[in-house]
């Protein structure tokens, strides 16, 4: 079975090392008392996080729908395909009824937990959904779920205001690198750059239903990094600006490394780049596709004009 973590974003490990070194420097440069307090604080935060994570997991088990072959067969097929491709290890997937376009993972122990909010299934095509699920499984596969708990606790140690700001900014920096890595995993899961970009756009513009809607949404996204205040604010945000994520995916999709990894993960399904199996649109419990979704299986690029193959992806389409 093909299993690789080479899609990790190049600077993620470097930024993580810098973050840890900054934490160590703050501790060393402060008094012995602060050193002891910092150690206790980090351990305490880790224990508190573990307790909260376990409580959150139990709450999901009571209120959310566990994605499996019996309760959510169509969605379970999509999840299984992403797991086969990315090999993230044991993951429990839950579907939550909440009016928000979001998905996230958490967990220190095994299995890790992936949470999908129900509106995703009403807006995303099957291929776009694979990107979202693959993105979250990338976090699991690369260890972000448990590292986030540890590094987040370290970044919050008691320190002078200036040092605290530096540690917080460093932690957010690493978090943004993790998002680039997870986006690559999402691209490998869906196998189509256009579907990956479309999924990212729909996260912030779920009302997109036509080429005109998409063009307007992309124009707004493209303007994000034109504003100096947005670039400054990004320093303290956990996610990069959307236009940066889209541009990073476009660059990565043009590399030979991506081509090789895509062939490898597709081989886990016993398929080649040119013969990817199509998946049916998810039909989960009481959640159905939107009224505008055609009942017959029409290729995505015919339904949505912006999904027409780009030059660099003509040879690696994995249509849904």
Protein backbone atom coordinates (compact mmCIF):
# COMPACT_ATOMS: atom_id res chain seq x y z
CA UNK A 1 0.00 0.00 0.00
CA UNK A 2 1.43 3.38 -1.06
CA UNK A 3 1.90 5.74 1.88
CA UNK A 4 3.83 9.00 1.66
CA UNK A 5 4.02 12.24 3.62
CA UNK A 6 6.11 14.07 1.03
CA UNK A 7 3.25 16.46 0.36
CA UNK A 8 4.16 18.26 3.59
CA UNK A 9 4.72 21.95 2.78
CA UNK A 10 8.45 22.68 2.51
CA UNK A 11 8.61 25.28 5.29
CA UNK A 12 6.32 23.56 7.79
CA UNK A 13 9.13 21.71 9.61
CA UNK A 14 11.38 24.77 9.61
CA UNK A 15 8.69 27.00 11.09
CA UNK A 16 7.87 24.37 13.72
CA UNK A 17 11.56 24.23 14.73
CA UNK A 18 11.73 28.03 14.94
CA UNK A 19 8.59 28.10 17.09
CA UNK A 20 10.01 25.54 19.52
CA UNK A 21 13.35 27.39 19.66
CA UNK A 22 11.56 30.68 20.40
CA UNK A 23 9.68 29.02 23.23
CA UNK A 24 12.94 27.64 24.62
CA UNK A 25 14.63 31.01 24.32
CA UNK A 26 11.83 32.75 26.22
CA UNK A 27 12.06 30.18 28.99
CA UNK A 28 15.86 30.38 29.24
CA UNK A 29 15.89 34.18 29.24
CA UNK A 30 13.39 34.40 32.07
CA UNK A 31 13.96 33.55 35.70
CA UNK A 32 14.17 30.04 37.16
CA UNK A 33 10.81 30.58 38.76
CA UNK A 34 9.24 31.39 35.41
CA UNK A 35 10.95 28.32 33.95
CA UNK A 36 9.26 26.09 36.50
CA UNK A 37 5.93 27.83 36.08
CA UNK A 38 6.21 27.47 32.30
CA UNK A 39 6.80 23.74 32.54
CA UNK A 40 3.84 23.30 34.85
CA UNK A 41 1.72 25.49 32.60
CA UNK A 42 2.53 23.44 29.48
CA UNK A 43 1.75 20.16 31.24
CA UNK A 44 -1.43 21.62 32.68
CA UNK A 45 -2.58 22.90 29.29
CA UNK A 46 -1.91 19.51 27.71
CA UNK A 47 -3.91 17.69 30.38
CA UNK A 48 -6.74 20.23 30.14
CA UNK A 49 -6.80 19.88 26.36
CA UNK A 50 -6.91 16.09 26.63
CA UNK A 51 -9.88 16.28 29.02
CA UNK A 52 -11.72 18.77 26.82
CA UNK A 53 -11.06 16.70 23.69
CA UNK A 54 -12.42 13.57 25.33
CA UNK A 55 -15.51 15.46 26.51
CA UNK A 56 -16.05 16.91 23.03
CA UNK A 57 -15.75 13.44 21.50
CA UNK A 58 -18.38 12.06 23.87
CA UNK A 59 -20.67 14.97 23.00
CA UNK A 60 -20.34 14.20 19.30
CA UNK A 61 -21.19 10.56 19.92
CA UNK A 62 -24.46 11.65 21.53
CA UNK A 63 -25.53 14.38 19.09
CA UNK A 64 -23.83 13.81 15.73
CA UNK A 65 -24.22 11.14 13.06
CA UNK A 66 -21.33 8.69 12.83
CA UNK A 67 -20.42 8.20 9.18
CA UNK A 68 -20.48 4.50 8.40
CA UNK A 69 -21.77 2.03 5.83
CA UNK A 70 -25.12 1.55 7.57
CA UNK A 71 -26.11 5.12 8.45
CA UNK A 72 -24.46 7.11 5.64
CA UNK A 73 -23.48 4.67 2.88
CA UNK A 74 -22.82 7.19 0.07
CA UNK A 75 -20.76 9.53 2.22
CA UNK A 76 -18.97 6.54 3.72
CA UNK A 77 -17.76 5.60 0.23
CA UNK A 78 -16.26 9.06 -0.25
CA UNK A 79 -14.58 8.90 3.16
CA UNK A 80 -13.24 5.39 2.47
CA UNK A 81 -11.74 6.53 -0.83
CA UNK A 82 -9.92 9.41 0.87
CA UNK A 83 -8.66 7.08 3.59
CA UNK A 84 -7.40 4.57 1.04
CA UNK A 85 -5.56 7.27 -0.86
CA UNK A 86 -3.98 9.14 2.05
CA UNK A 87 -3.58 6.36 4.66
CA UNK A 88 -4.00 8.73 7.65
CA UNK A 89 -4.60 5.97 10.20
CA UNK A 90 -7.82 5.34 12.19
CA UNK A 91 -10.25 8.25 11.88
CA UNK A 92 -13.86 8.49 13.08
CA UNK A 93 -15.95 10.83 10.91
CA UNK A 94 -19.01 12.61 12.29
CA UNK A 95 -21.67 14.65 10.53
CA UNK A 96 -23.03 17.61 12.50
CA UNK A 97 -26.20 19.57 11.77
CA UNK A 98 -24.93 23.13 12.00
CA UNK A 99 -25.48 26.10 9.70
CA UNK A 100 -21.82 26.65 8.91
CA UNK A 101 -19.46 25.75 6.09
CA UNK A 102 -16.74 24.07 8.09
CA UNK A 103 -14.82 20.89 8.82
CA UNK A 104 -12.15 20.19 11.41
CA UNK A 105 -10.18 17.45 13.14
CA UNK A 106 -9.09 16.91 16.70
CA UNK A 107 -7.64 14.25 18.94
CA UNK A 108 -4.57 13.12 20.82
CA UNK A 109 -5.45 9.46 21.16
CA UNK A 110 -6.39 7.02 18.39
CA UNK A 111 -8.73 7.18 16.55
CA UNK A 112 -8.59 10.83 15.64
CA UNK A 113 -11.89 12.57 14.88
CA UNK A 114 -13.00 14.39 11.73
CA UNK A 115 -16.11 16.56 11.89
CA UNK A 116 -18.12 17.66 8.83
CA UNK A 117 -20.88 20.26 9.00
CA UNK A 118 -23.98 19.29 7.03
CA UNK A 119 -24.12 22.37 4.70
CA UNK A 120 -20.98 21.08 3.00
CA UNK A 121 -23.01 18.23 1.52
CA UNK A 122 -25.60 20.62 0.12
CA UNK A 123 -23.05 22.85 -1.61
CA UNK A 124 -20.07 20.69 -2.57
CA UNK A 125 -19.92 18.29 -5.49
CA UNK A 126 -18.52 14.83 -4.71
CA UNK A 127 -15.07 15.81 -5.98
CA UNK A 128 -15.06 19.02 -3.95
CA UNK A 129 -16.10 17.06 -0.89
CA UNK A 130 -13.11 14.78 -1.39
CA UNK A 131 -10.85 17.83 -1.23
CA UNK A 132 -12.43 18.96 2.06
CA UNK A 133 -12.19 15.50 3.63
CA UNK A 134 -8.70 14.93 2.24
CA UNK A 135 -7.56 18.27 3.67
CA UNK A 136 -8.66 17.24 7.15
CA UNK A 137 -7.17 13.76 6.80
CA UNK A 138 -3.92 15.45 5.81
CA UNK A 139 -3.90 17.18 9.20
CA UNK A 140 -4.29 13.78 10.86
CA UNK A 141 -1.67 12.04 8.70
CA UNK A 142 0.94 14.75 9.32
CA UNK A 143 0.39 14.83 13.09
CA UNK A 144 -1.09 18.32 13.19
CA UNK A 145 -3.95 17.29 15.49
CA UNK A 146 -1.76 16.35 18.45
CA UNK A 147 1.06 18.81 17.66
CA UNK A 148 -1.47 21.64 17.69
CA UNK A 149 -2.34 20.77 21.29
CA UNK A 150 1.28 20.68 22.42
CA UNK A 151 2.62 23.67 20.48
CA UNK A 152 -0.47 25.71 21.28
CA UNK A 153 0.13 25.11 24.98
CA UNK A 154 3.79 26.08 24.63
CA UNK A 155 2.88 29.26 22.78
CA UNK A 156 0.61 30.26 25.65
CA UNK A 157 3.19 30.04 28.47
CA UNK A 158 3.34 32.99 30.90
CA UNK A 159 5.81 35.53 29.52
CA UNK A 160 6.27 39.29 29.18
CA UNK A 161 3.85 40.90 26.74
CA UNK A 162 6.38 41.29 23.94
CA UNK A 163 7.52 37.68 24.21
CA UNK A 164 3.92 36.45 24.32
CA UNK A 165 3.15 38.28 21.08
CA UNK A 166 6.19 36.72 19.40
CA UNK A 167 5.26 33.22 20.58
CA UNK A 168 1.65 33.64 19.49
CA UNK A 169 2.70 34.93 16.06
CA UNK A 170 5.16 32.03 15.67
CA UNK A 171 2.48 29.49 16.54
CA UNK A 172 0.10 31.04 13.99
CA UNK A 173 2.90 31.02 11.41
CA UNK A 174 3.35 27.28 11.85
CA UNK A 175 -0.43 26.80 11.73
CA UNK A 176 -0.57 28.51 8.33
CA UNK A 177 2.17 26.22 7.01
CA UNK A 178 0.08 23.27 8.18
CA UNK A 179 -2.84 24.53 6.09
CA UNK A 180 -0.68 24.56 2.96
CA UNK A 181 0.34 20.96 3.68
CA UNK A 182 -3.25 19.87 4.29
CA UNK A 183 -4.38 21.56 1.06
CA UNK A 184 -1.89 19.38 -0.80
CA UNK A 185 -3.40 16.32 0.85
CA UNK A 186 -6.86 17.51 -0.25
CA UNK A 187 -5.60 17.88 -3.81
CA UNK A 188 -4.23 14.32 -3.74
CA UNK A 189 -7.56 13.07 -2.41
CA UNK A 190 -9.69 14.68 -5.12
CA UNK A 191 -7.07 14.42 -7.89
CA UNK A 192 -8.22 17.57 -9.68
CA UNK A 193 -6.85 21.10 -9.27
CA UNK A 194 -10.04 22.73 -10.55
CA UNK A 195 -12.18 20.87 -8.03
CA UNK A 196 -9.77 21.79 -5.23
CA UNK A 197 -9.93 25.50 -6.11
CA UNK A 198 -13.70 25.36 -6.50
CA UNK A 199 -14.04 23.78 -3.05
CA UNK A 200 -11.96 26.54 -1.45
CA UNK A 201 -14.04 29.22 -3.17
CA UNK A 202 -17.31 27.63 -2.05
CA UNK A 203 -16.15 27.66 1.58
CA UNK A 204 -16.42 31.46 1.53
CA UNK A 205 -18.99 31.79 -1.27
CA UNK A 206 -21.41 28.85 -0.95
CA UNK A 207 -23.97 30.70 -3.07
CA UNK A 208 -21.87 30.17 -6.23
CA UNK A 209 -24.12 28.63 -8.88
CA UNK A 210 -22.84 30.03 -12.19
CA UNK A 211 -19.71 31.17 -14.01
CA UNK A 212 -20.60 34.78 -13.20
CA UNK A 213 -20.94 33.95 -9.48
CA UNK A 214 -17.60 32.19 -9.54
CA UNK A 215 -15.83 35.04 -11.35
CA UNK A 216 -17.16 37.57 -8.84
CA UNK A 217 -16.11 35.41 -5.89
CA UNK A 218 -12.63 34.87 -7.36
CA UNK A 219 -12.23 38.60 -8.00
CA UNK A 220 -13.02 39.34 -4.35
CA UNK A 221 -10.63 36.62 -3.17
CA UNK A 222 -7.89 37.87 -5.49
CA UNK A 223 -8.13 41.34 -3.92
CA UNK A 224 -7.43 40.03 -0.42
CA UNK A 225 -3.66 40.45 -0.54
CA UNK A 226 -3.87 43.88 -2.16
CA UNK A 227 -4.79 45.40 1.20
CA UNK A 228 -1.84 46.05 3.52
CA UNK A 229 -4.07 45.67 6.59
CA UNK A 230 -5.05 42.17 5.45
CA UNK A 231 -1.41 41.16 5.07
CA UNK A 232 -0.62 42.47 8.55
CA UNK A 233 -3.65 40.77 10.08
CA UNK A 234 -2.60 37.46 8.50
CA UNK A 235 0.41 37.35 10.86
CA UNK A 236 -1.96 36.54 13.73
CA UNK A 237 -4.35 34.27 11.82
CA UNK A 238 -4.34 30.47 11.82
CA UNK A 239 -5.18 30.23 8.10
CA UNK A 240 -3.46 31.93 5.16
CA UNK A 241 -5.45 34.23 2.94
CA UNK A 242 -7.48 32.17 0.50
CA UNK A 243 -5.71 33.59 -2.55
CA UNK A 244 -2.38 32.38 -1.14
CA UNK A 245 -3.78 28.88 -0.66
CA UNK A 246 -5.12 28.81 -4.22
CA UNK A 247 -1.83 30.05 -5.68
CA UNK A 248 0.16 27.52 -3.65
CA UNK A 249 -2.04 24.70 -4.94
CA UNK A 250 -1.60 25.85 -8.52
CA UNK A 251 2.17 25.89 -8.13
CA UNK A 252 2.25 22.50 -6.44
CA UNK A 253 -0.01 20.88 -9.06
CA UNK A 254 2.56 21.80 -11.74
CA UNK A 255 5.42 19.94 -10.02
CA UNK A 256 6.72 16.47 -10.85
CA UNK A 257 6.54 15.58 -7.16
CA UNK A 258 2.78 16.06 -7.21
CA UNK A 259 2.45 13.94 -10.35
CA UNK A 260 4.37 11.10 -8.72
CA UNK A 261 2.43 11.27 -5.47
CA UNK A 262 -0.90 11.41 -7.28
CA UNK A 263 -0.04 8.24 -9.18
CA UNK A 264 0.97 6.61 -5.92
CA UNK A 265 -2.19 7.44 -3.99
CA UNK A 266 -4.37 6.50 -6.97
CA UNK A 267 -2.63 3.14 -7.08
CA UNK A 268 -4.05 2.50 -3.61
CA UNK A 269 -7.45 2.33 -5.28
CA UNK A 270 -6.18 0.13 -8.07
CA UNK A 271 -6.70 2.93 -10.59
CA UNK A 272 -4.56 5.00 -12.94
CA UNK A 273 -4.70 8.75 -13.44
CA UNK A 274 -6.85 8.32 -16.54
CA UNK A 275 -9.31 5.74 -15.20
CA UNK A 276 -10.46 7.10 -11.87
CA UNK A 277 -13.72 5.65 -10.68
CA UNK A 278 -16.65 8.04 -10.34
CA UNK A 279 -18.47 8.41 -7.01
CA UNK A 280 -22.16 9.05 -6.56
CA UNK A 281 -23.25 12.30 -4.87
CA UNK A 282 -23.60 11.82 -1.11
CA UNK A 283 -27.10 11.21 0.20
CA UNK A 284 -26.77 11.37 3.94
CA UNK A 285 -29.62 10.59 6.33
CA UNK A 286 -32.12 13.44 5.78
CA UNK A 287 -29.65 15.70 4.01
CA UNK A 288 -30.08 15.92 0.25
CA UNK A 289 -28.46 17.75 -2.59
CA UNK A 290 -29.71 21.21 -3.44
CA UNK A 291 -32.59 21.57 -5.86
CA UNK A 292 -30.24 22.97 -8.50
CA UNK A 293 -28.19 19.79 -8.51
CA UNK A 294 -29.04 17.76 -11.64
CA UNK A 295 -30.43 14.30 -10.97
CA UNK A 296 -28.49 12.67 -13.81
CA UNK A 297 -24.74 12.22 -13.53
CA UNK A 298 -23.35 15.06 -15.64
CA UNK A 299 -19.57 15.61 -15.58
CA UNK A 300 -18.63 18.51 -13.26
CA UNK A 301 -16.95 20.49 -16.03
CA UNK A 302 -20.24 20.54 -17.96
CA UNK A 303 -22.26 21.64 -14.94
CA UNK A 304 -19.79 24.27 -13.82
CA UNK A 305 -17.88 26.08 -16.62
CA UNK A 306 -15.03 27.12 -14.32
CA UNK A 307 -14.11 23.45 -13.85
CA UNK A 308 -12.90 23.10 -17.42
CA UNK A 309 -9.43 21.51 -17.32
CA UNK A 310 -6.45 23.80 -17.02
CA UNK A 311 -3.45 23.13 -19.26
CA UNK A 312 -1.28 21.73 -16.49
CA UNK A 313 -3.96 19.29 -15.32
CA UNK A 314 -5.17 17.94 -18.65
CA UNK A 315 -3.18 14.77 -18.15
CA UNK A 316 -4.16 14.01 -14.60
CA UNK A 317 -7.91 14.46 -14.39
CA UNK A 318 -9.73 12.42 -11.79
CA UNK A 319 -13.28 13.30 -12.74
CA UNK A 320 -16.24 12.69 -10.47
